[in-house]
């Protein structure tokens, strides 16, 4: 495996639902509101493109653009994810369905899935380059609930 990798990232942007969604407040269940669960959990997922689905050249060749559009469509149905947590009395959390959006970052790197091993297994080399910066992962109130970095 090569020595180092640097991902070239776009500026983070907020992706909002593709169509209007309810503006409401949803309380978390007692299980979801456990103080031990109040952190953003990083996760890495690796996917190979489906052969023949992306044409060469033009916007169709950019998988990040397709994923961003699909994310906006998914947020229509999963709109609370585009909201923000707010703390009520005695530390109880609720989701304000504000459609503020989720963070989306496009990245490009000089590494292939084959470079990560077959199949890629943790610990992943270059993991810090694959995960977008969320700041303090234990600061969950008032910040985006979902951060996505799509690399190709």
C-alpha atoms as a PDB file:
ATOM      1  CA  UNK A   1       0.000   0.000   0.000  1.00  0.00           C
ATOM      2  CA  UNK A   2       1.206   3.515  -0.749  1.00  0.00           C
ATOM      3  CA  UNK A   3       2.500   5.727   2.072  1.00  0.00           C
ATOM      4  CA  UNK A   4      -0.007   8.560   2.429  1.00  0.00           C
ATOM      5  CA  UNK A   5      -3.254   9.824   1.041  1.00  0.00           C
ATOM      6  CA  UNK A   6      -4.831  13.242   1.041  1.00  0.00           C
ATOM      7  CA  UNK A   7      -8.474  13.653   0.137  1.00  0.00           C
ATOM      8  CA  UNK A   8      -9.414  16.743  -1.827  1.00  0.00           C
ATOM      9  CA  UNK A   9     -12.700  17.847  -0.287  1.00  0.00           C
ATOM     10  CA  UNK A  10     -15.346  20.319  -1.351  1.00  0.00           C
ATOM     11  CA  UNK A  11     -16.631  22.792   1.189  1.00  0.00           C
ATOM     12  CA  UNK A  12     -19.348  21.233   3.342  1.00  0.00           C
ATOM     13  CA  UNK A  13     -22.858  22.105   2.212  1.00  0.00           C
ATOM     14  CA  UNK A  14     -26.282  21.464   3.658  1.00  0.00           C
ATOM     15  CA  UNK A  15     -28.606  19.161   1.736  1.00  0.00           C
ATOM     16  CA  UNK A  16     -32.281  19.700   2.502  1.00  0.00           C
ATOM     17  CA  UNK A  17     -35.318  17.602   1.582  1.00  0.00           C
ATOM     18  CA  UNK A  18     -36.218  17.788  -2.099  1.00  0.00           C
ATOM     19  CA  UNK A  19     -39.812  18.759  -1.287  1.00  0.00           C
ATOM     20  CA  UNK A  20     -41.651  20.334   1.631  1.00  0.00           C
ATOM     21  CA  UNK A  21     -41.937  18.332   4.851  1.00  0.00           C
ATOM     22  CA  UNK A  22     -43.820  18.780   8.129  1.00  0.00           C
ATOM     23  CA  UNK A  23     -42.478  21.368  10.556  1.00  0.00           C
ATOM     24  CA  UNK A  24     -42.943  19.703  13.925  1.00  0.00           C
ATOM     25  CA  UNK A  25     -41.189  18.600  17.095  1.00  0.00           C
ATOM     26  CA  UNK A  26     -40.660  14.917  17.820  1.00  0.00           C
ATOM     27  CA  UNK A  27     -39.665  13.718  21.290  1.00  0.00           C
ATOM     28  CA  UNK A  28     -37.037  11.020  21.541  1.00  0.00           C
ATOM     29  CA  UNK A  29     -37.972   7.795  23.268  1.00  0.00           C
ATOM     30  CA  UNK A  30     -36.395   7.154  26.660  1.00  0.00           C
ATOM     31  CA  UNK A  31     -34.105   4.621  24.966  1.00  0.00           C
ATOM     32  CA  UNK A  32     -32.984   7.085  22.275  1.00  0.00           C
ATOM     33  CA  UNK A  33     -32.564   9.853  24.835  1.00  0.00           C
ATOM     34  CA  UNK A  34     -30.012   7.955  26.948  1.00  0.00           C
ATOM     35  CA  UNK A  35     -27.148  10.311  27.835  1.00  0.00           C
ATOM     36  CA  UNK A  36     -24.622   7.567  26.985  1.00  0.00           C
ATOM     37  CA  UNK A  37     -25.826   7.718  23.362  1.00  0.00           C
ATOM     38  CA  UNK A  38     -25.296  11.445  22.878  1.00  0.00           C
ATOM     39  CA  UNK A  39     -22.481  11.433  20.370  1.00  0.00           C
ATOM     40  CA  UNK A  40     -22.074  11.284  16.625  1.00  0.00           C
ATOM     41  CA  UNK A  41     -20.901   7.820  15.580  1.00  0.00           C
ATOM     42  CA  UNK A  42     -18.535   7.692  12.587  1.00  0.00           C
ATOM     43  CA  UNK A  43     -19.068   4.917  10.092  1.00  0.00           C
ATOM     44  CA  UNK A  44     -17.348   3.944   6.848  1.00  0.00           C
ATOM     45  CA  UNK A  45     -19.174   2.233   4.016  1.00  0.00           C
ATOM     46  CA  UNK A  46     -17.520   1.205   0.760  1.00  0.00           C
ATOM     47  CA  UNK A  47     -19.407   0.625  -2.496  1.00  0.00           C
ATOM     48  CA  UNK A  48     -18.331  -0.236  -6.000  1.00  0.00           C
ATOM     49  CA  UNK A  49     -20.143   1.515  -8.846  1.00  0.00           C
ATOM     50  CA  UNK A  50     -22.606  -0.636 -10.753  1.00  0.00           C
ATOM     51  CA  UNK A  51     -21.125  -1.221 -14.171  1.00  0.00           C
ATOM     52  CA  UNK A  52     -22.923   0.638 -16.927  1.00  0.00           C
ATOM     53  CA  UNK A  53     -24.869   2.967 -14.630  1.00  0.00           C
ATOM     54  CA  UNK A  54     -22.483   5.907 -14.918  1.00  0.00           C
ATOM     55  CA  UNK A  55     -21.593   7.163 -18.358  1.00  0.00           C
ATOM     56  CA  UNK A  56     -18.179   8.647 -18.968  1.00  0.00           C
ATOM     57  CA  UNK A  57     -17.971  12.428 -18.989  1.00  0.00           C
ATOM     58  CA  UNK A  58     -20.483  15.061 -18.002  1.00  0.00           C
ATOM     59  CA  UNK A  59     -22.500  15.232 -14.806  1.00  0.00           C
ATOM     60  CA  UNK A  60     -23.583  11.590 -15.123  1.00  0.00           C
ATOM     61  CA  UNK A  61     -20.000  10.534 -14.365  1.00  0.00           C
ATOM     62  CA  UNK A  62     -20.058  12.173 -10.926  1.00  0.00           C
ATOM     63  CA  UNK A  63     -21.371   9.678  -8.342  1.00  0.00           C
ATOM     64  CA  UNK A  64     -21.433  12.365  -5.622  1.00  0.00           C
ATOM     65  CA  UNK A  65     -23.982  14.397  -7.582  1.00  0.00           C
ATOM     66  CA  UNK A  66     -26.266  11.364  -7.936  1.00  0.00           C
ATOM     67  CA  UNK A  67     -25.910  10.473  -4.239  1.00  0.00           C
ATOM     68  CA  UNK A  68     -26.611  14.065  -3.179  1.00  0.00           C
ATOM     69  CA  UNK A  69     -29.820  14.110  -5.251  1.00  0.00           C
ATOM     70  CA  UNK A  70     -30.874  10.738  -3.802  1.00  0.00           C
ATOM     71  CA  UNK A  71     -30.136  12.000  -0.281  1.00  0.00           C
ATOM     72  CA  UNK A  72     -32.411  15.028  -0.844  1.00  0.00           C
ATOM     73  CA  UNK A  73     -35.180  12.658  -1.993  1.00  0.00           C
ATOM     74  CA  UNK A  74     -34.679  10.343   1.009  1.00  0.00           C
ATOM     75  CA  UNK A  75     -34.907  13.302   3.388  1.00  0.00           C
ATOM     76  CA  UNK A  76     -38.484  13.903   2.218  1.00  0.00           C
ATOM     77  CA  UNK A  77     -39.458  10.684   3.992  1.00  0.00           C
ATOM     78  CA  UNK A  78     -36.842  10.800   6.756  1.00  0.00           C
ATOM     79  CA  UNK A  79     -37.186  14.531   7.374  1.00  0.00           C
ATOM     80  CA  UNK A  80     -36.358  14.502  11.115  1.00  0.00           C
ATOM     81  CA  UNK A  81     -32.740  13.716  10.155  1.00  0.00           C
ATOM     82  CA  UNK A  82     -32.599  17.150   8.490  1.00  0.00           C
ATOM     83  CA  UNK A  83     -33.603  18.789  11.775  1.00  0.00           C
ATOM     84  CA  UNK A  84     -31.737  19.580  14.975  1.00  0.00           C
ATOM     85  CA  UNK A  85     -31.801  18.245  18.506  1.00  0.00           C
ATOM     86  CA  UNK A  86     -32.989  20.633  21.185  1.00  0.00           C
ATOM     87  CA  UNK A  87     -32.754  20.143  24.922  1.00  0.00           C
ATOM     88  CA  UNK A  88     -35.849  20.611  27.067  1.00  0.00           C
ATOM     89  CA  UNK A  89     -36.240  20.577  30.840  1.00  0.00           C
ATOM     90  CA  UNK A  90     -34.159  18.078  32.813  1.00  0.00           C
ATOM     91  CA  UNK A  91     -32.011  17.341  29.759  1.00  0.00           C
ATOM     92  CA  UNK A  92     -34.761  15.674  27.699  1.00  0.00           C
ATOM     93  CA  UNK A  93     -34.023  15.862  23.964  1.00  0.00           C
ATOM     94  CA  UNK A  94     -36.444  16.468  21.115  1.00  0.00           C
ATOM     95  CA  UNK A  95     -35.923  16.722  17.368  1.00  0.00           C
ATOM     96  CA  UNK A  96     -37.020  20.017  15.875  1.00  0.00           C
ATOM     97  CA  UNK A  97     -37.927  19.127  12.293  1.00  0.00           C
ATOM     98  CA  UNK A  98     -36.534  22.350  10.869  1.00  0.00           C
ATOM     99  CA  UNK A  99     -35.351  21.059   7.445  1.00  0.00           C
ATOM    100  CA  UNK A 100     -32.016  22.813   8.054  1.00  0.00           C
ATOM    101  CA  UNK A 101     -30.323  19.915   6.301  1.00  0.00           C
ATOM    102  CA  UNK A 102     -27.572  17.375   6.627  1.00  0.00           C
ATOM    103  CA  UNK A 103     -23.900  18.012   5.878  1.00  0.00           C
ATOM    104  CA  UNK A 104     -22.624  16.762   2.532  1.00  0.00           C
ATOM    105  CA  UNK A 105     -18.981  16.793   1.455  1.00  0.00           C
ATOM    106  CA  UNK A 106     -17.660  15.635  -1.888  1.00  0.00           C
ATOM    107  CA  UNK A 107     -14.138  14.207  -1.862  1.00  0.00           C
ATOM    108  CA  UNK A 108     -11.719  12.844  -4.389  1.00  0.00           C
ATOM    109  CA  UNK A 109      -8.752  10.642  -3.521  1.00  0.00           C
ATOM    110  CA  UNK A 110      -6.010   8.741  -5.316  1.00  0.00           C
ATOM    111  CA  UNK A 111      -6.864   5.367  -3.804  1.00  0.00           C
ATOM    112  CA  UNK A 112      -9.018   2.484  -4.966  1.00  0.00           C
ATOM    113  CA  UNK A 113     -11.023  -0.085  -3.069  1.00  0.00           C
ATOM    114  CA  UNK A 114      -8.437  -2.651  -4.110  1.00  0.00           C
ATOM    115  CA  UNK A 115      -5.773  -0.568  -2.322  1.00  0.00           C
ATOM    116  CA  UNK A 116      -7.695  -1.070   0.941  1.00  0.00           C
ATOM    117  CA  UNK A 117      -7.701  -4.872   0.732  1.00  0.00           C
ATOM    118  CA  UNK A 118     -10.280  -7.370  -0.383  1.00  0.00           C
ATOM    119  CA  UNK A 119     -12.629  -7.067   1.315  1.00  0.00           C
ATOM    120  CA  UNK A 120     -11.774  -3.807   3.132  1.00  0.00           C
ATOM    121  CA  UNK A 121     -11.667  -4.623   6.837  1.00  0.00           C
ATOM    122  CA  UNK A 122     -11.021  -2.414   9.874  1.00  0.00           C
ATOM    123  CA  UNK A 123      -8.791  -0.858  10.862  1.00  0.00           C
ATOM    124  CA  UNK A 124      -9.029   1.023   7.584  1.00  0.00           C
ATOM    125  CA  UNK A 125      -5.910   2.722   6.328  1.00  0.00           C
ATOM    126  CA  UNK A 126      -6.483   6.447   5.850  1.00  0.00           C
ATOM    127  CA  UNK A 127      -9.693   6.355   7.930  1.00  0.00           C
ATOM    128  CA  UNK A 128      -9.206   9.980   9.011  1.00  0.00           C
ATOM    129  CA  UNK A 129      -9.213  11.064   5.370  1.00  0.00           C
ATOM    130  CA  UNK A 130     -12.420   9.161   4.629  1.00  0.00           C
ATOM    131  CA  UNK A 131     -14.510  10.709   7.409  1.00  0.00           C
ATOM    132  CA  UNK A 132     -15.552  14.369   7.229  1.00  0.00           C
ATOM    133  CA  UNK A 133     -14.879  16.572  10.227  1.00  0.00           C
ATOM    134  CA  UNK A 134     -17.854  16.806  12.592  1.00  0.00           C
ATOM    135  CA  UNK A 135     -16.155  18.927  15.230  1.00  0.00           C
ATOM    136  CA  UNK A 136     -16.827  17.734  18.774  1.00  0.00           C
ATOM    137  CA  UNK A 137     -18.654  14.426  18.254  1.00  0.00           C
ATOM    138  CA  UNK A 138     -20.217  14.734  21.726  1.00  0.00           C
ATOM    139  CA  UNK A 139     -21.829  18.096  20.931  1.00  0.00           C
ATOM    140  CA  UNK A 140     -25.140  16.943  19.446  1.00  0.00           C
ATOM    141  CA  UNK A 141     -27.551  19.733  20.410  1.00  0.00           C
ATOM    142  CA  UNK A 142     -28.218  22.270  17.667  1.00  0.00           C
ATOM    143  CA  UNK A 143     -25.876  20.709  15.105  1.00  0.00           C
ATOM    144  CA  UNK A 144     -26.592  18.623  12.000  1.00  0.00           C
ATOM    145  CA  UNK A 145     -27.586  15.061  12.858  1.00  0.00           C
ATOM    146  CA  UNK A 146     -25.980  13.469   9.811  1.00  0.00           C
ATOM    147  CA  UNK A 147     -22.700  14.127   8.020  1.00  0.00           C
ATOM    148  CA  UNK A 148     -21.899  12.408   4.742  1.00  0.00           C
ATOM    149  CA  UNK A 149     -18.698  12.470   2.748  1.00  0.00           C
ATOM    150  CA  UNK A 150     -18.808  10.814  -0.647  1.00  0.00           C
ATOM    151  CA  UNK A 151     -15.481   9.996  -2.198  1.00  0.00           C
ATOM    152  CA  UNK A 152     -14.601   8.665  -5.577  1.00  0.00           C
END
